[in-house]
Protein backbone atom coordinates (compact mmCIF):
# COMPACT_ATOMS: atom_id res chain seq x y z
CA MET A 1 0.00 0.00 0.00
CA ARG A 2 2.76 2.45 0.95
CA VAL A 3 4.61 1.93 -2.35
CA ARG A 4 1.41 2.33 -4.34
CA GLY A 5 0.68 5.63 -2.52
CA SER A 6 4.18 6.89 -3.29
CA VAL A 7 3.82 5.97 -6.95
CA LEU A 8 0.45 7.73 -7.08
CA ALA A 9 1.93 10.86 -5.44
CA LEU A 10 4.84 10.85 -7.92
CA ALA A 11 2.45 10.45 -10.86
CA CYS A 12 0.37 13.40 -9.62
CA MET A 13 3.50 15.55 -9.30
CA LEU A 14 4.62 14.68 -12.82
CA VAL A 15 1.22 15.58 -14.23
CA ALA A 16 1.30 18.90 -12.35
CA LEU A 17 4.84 19.86 -13.45
CA PRO A 18 3.84 21.40 -16.79
CA ALA A 19 1.62 23.85 -14.89
CA PHE A 20 4.76 25.35 -13.32
CA ALA A 21 6.78 25.41 -16.54
CA ALA A 22 7.52 28.73 -18.22
CA ASP A 23 5.86 29.03 -21.62
CA MET A 24 8.57 30.87 -23.52
CA VAL A 25 7.89 29.93 -27.15
CA GLY A 26 7.13 33.00 -29.26
CA GLU A 27 8.26 36.56 -29.87
CA TRP A 28 9.39 38.82 -27.02
CA SER A 29 10.53 42.45 -26.91
CA LEU A 30 11.71 45.01 -24.39
CA ASP A 31 8.88 46.58 -22.37
CA LYS A 32 10.01 50.14 -23.00
CA GLU A 33 7.77 51.76 -20.39
CA ALA A 34 8.83 49.31 -17.65
CA PHE A 35 12.49 49.84 -18.64
CA ARG A 36 12.06 53.61 -18.51
CA ALA A 37 10.38 53.42 -15.07
CA SER A 38 13.11 51.17 -13.65
CA ALA A 39 15.88 53.35 -15.06
CA ARG A 40 14.19 56.50 -13.75
CA SER A 41 13.87 54.95 -10.28
CA MET A 42 17.56 54.02 -10.26
CA MET A 43 18.57 57.50 -11.45
CA GLU A 44 16.40 59.21 -8.84
CA ALA A 45 18.01 57.13 -6.10
CA GLN A 46 21.41 58.29 -7.34
CA LEU A 47 20.23 61.90 -7.52
CA ALA A 48 19.13 61.81 -3.89
CA GLU A 49 22.77 61.28 -2.95
CA SER A 50 23.99 64.21 -5.09
CA PRO A 51 24.82 67.66 -3.72
CA ASP A 52 21.91 70.13 -3.97
CA ASP A 53 23.78 72.54 -6.23
CA VAL A 54 24.20 69.96 -9.05
CA ARG A 55 21.04 67.89 -8.57
CA GLU A 56 18.82 69.80 -11.05
CA GLN A 57 21.49 69.85 -13.75
CA MET A 58 22.07 66.10 -13.29
CA LYS A 59 18.32 65.44 -13.41
CA GLN A 60 18.04 67.16 -16.79
CA MET A 61 21.00 65.20 -18.15
CA MET A 62 19.57 61.91 -16.89
CA GLU A 63 16.15 62.57 -18.43
CA GLY A 64 17.88 63.04 -21.78
CA MET A 65 19.75 59.79 -21.29
CA LEU A 66 16.55 57.78 -20.73
CA ASP A 67 15.41 57.92 -24.35
CA SER A 68 18.79 56.86 -25.68
CA MET A 69 19.01 54.04 -23.11
CA VAL A 70 15.58 52.70 -24.08
CA GLU A 71 16.45 52.85 -27.77
CA GLU A 72 19.83 51.17 -27.20
CA MET A 73 18.26 48.24 -25.33
CA SER A 74 15.44 47.71 -27.83
CA GLY A 75 15.29 44.48 -29.78
CA THR A 76 13.41 41.22 -30.12
CA ALA A 77 13.91 37.64 -29.04
CA SER A 78 12.39 34.62 -30.76
CA PHE A 79 12.07 31.59 -28.48
CA ASN A 80 11.72 28.30 -30.36
CA GLU A 81 10.27 24.99 -29.16
CA ASP A 82 13.64 23.25 -29.67
CA GLY A 83 15.26 25.36 -26.91
CA THR A 84 16.99 27.83 -29.22
CA VAL A 85 16.56 31.58 -29.06
CA MET A 86 17.50 34.29 -31.53
CA PHE A 87 18.07 37.87 -30.38
CA VAL A 88 17.92 40.73 -32.88
CA ASP A 89 19.11 44.13 -31.67
CA LYS A 90 17.98 47.56 -32.87
CA GLU A 91 20.65 47.52 -35.60
CA GLY A 92 19.50 44.13 -36.90
CA ALA A 93 22.51 42.23 -35.53
CA VAL A 94 21.58 38.65 -34.66
CA GLU A 95 22.85 36.57 -31.75
CA SER A 96 21.81 32.96 -31.28
CA GLY A 97 21.61 31.09 -28.03
CA THR A 98 19.65 28.56 -26.05
CA TRP A 99 17.03 28.70 -23.34
CA GLU A 100 16.23 26.28 -20.56
CA ASP A 101 12.95 26.20 -18.68
CA ARG A 102 13.51 26.17 -14.92
CA GLY A 103 9.90 26.48 -13.80
CA ASP A 104 9.34 30.09 -12.82
CA THR A 105 12.70 31.15 -14.31
CA VAL A 106 14.44 30.70 -17.64
CA LEU A 107 18.19 30.30 -18.18
CA LEU A 108 19.49 32.02 -21.32
CA SER A 109 22.91 31.16 -22.75
CA ASN A 110 24.68 32.72 -25.73
CA GLU A 111 27.12 31.07 -28.14
CA SER A 112 30.06 32.23 -26.01
CA GLY A 113 28.75 30.25 -23.06
CA GLU A 114 27.71 33.29 -21.02
CA SER A 115 24.38 32.85 -19.31
CA THR A 116 21.82 34.80 -17.33
CA GLU A 117 18.61 33.87 -15.57
CA ALA A 118 15.30 35.73 -15.65
CA ARG A 119 12.08 35.40 -13.68
CA VAL A 120 9.01 34.55 -15.73
CA GLU A 121 5.66 35.95 -14.64
CA GLY A 122 3.02 35.15 -17.25
CA ASP A 123 3.86 37.16 -20.36
CA ARG A 124 6.71 39.02 -18.65
CA MET A 125 10.38 38.00 -18.42
CA ILE A 126 12.21 40.00 -15.75
CA PHE A 127 15.99 40.38 -15.56
CA SER A 128 17.12 41.76 -12.21
CA MET A 129 20.59 43.25 -11.94
CA GLN A 130 22.32 44.45 -8.80
CA GLU A 131 25.85 45.74 -9.07
CA GLU A 132 28.07 47.15 -6.37
CA GLY A 133 27.25 50.75 -5.69
CA MET A 134 23.68 50.50 -7.02
CA PRO A 135 21.20 51.64 -4.38
CA GLU A 136 18.56 49.18 -5.61
CA PRO A 137 18.27 46.39 -8.19
CA PHE A 138 17.63 47.41 -11.77
CA GLU A 139 14.93 45.41 -13.54
CA MET A 140 14.68 45.00 -17.28
CA VAL A 141 11.33 43.59 -18.42
CA TRP A 142 10.63 41.86 -21.71
CA LYS A 143 7.08 41.07 -22.74
CA ARG A 144 5.51 38.55 -25.07
CA GLN A 145 4.25 39.99 -28.33
């Protein structure tokens, strides 16, 4: 009886696993508004630490930088069923790689062997970056098209 119960529990878990899998197949692109909001938040945190006499000048410079940052990061990613992914940047340059479903995250690897992991929340893929000296994590969101 105990073995049969364990087998039944395992079978139920295996049936439920696909419900936790990230559905990545399709076209994705940078969520420009989410990127702009995250970048603005990070910049404002840095401004708060700036001396009063230069804060306004820095704020104006940073606002101008936002548009160019958004444009620079724009591109698309095509996730294929076979685990391959193709990134196309704003200039049309193509980089191939692979993706691996890890449940609520996805591991992306490029041809050079570099990899990064992103959280998957429905039709959003969220890359969170925290570097030394950053007051808070920076999130870059991609959304399904």
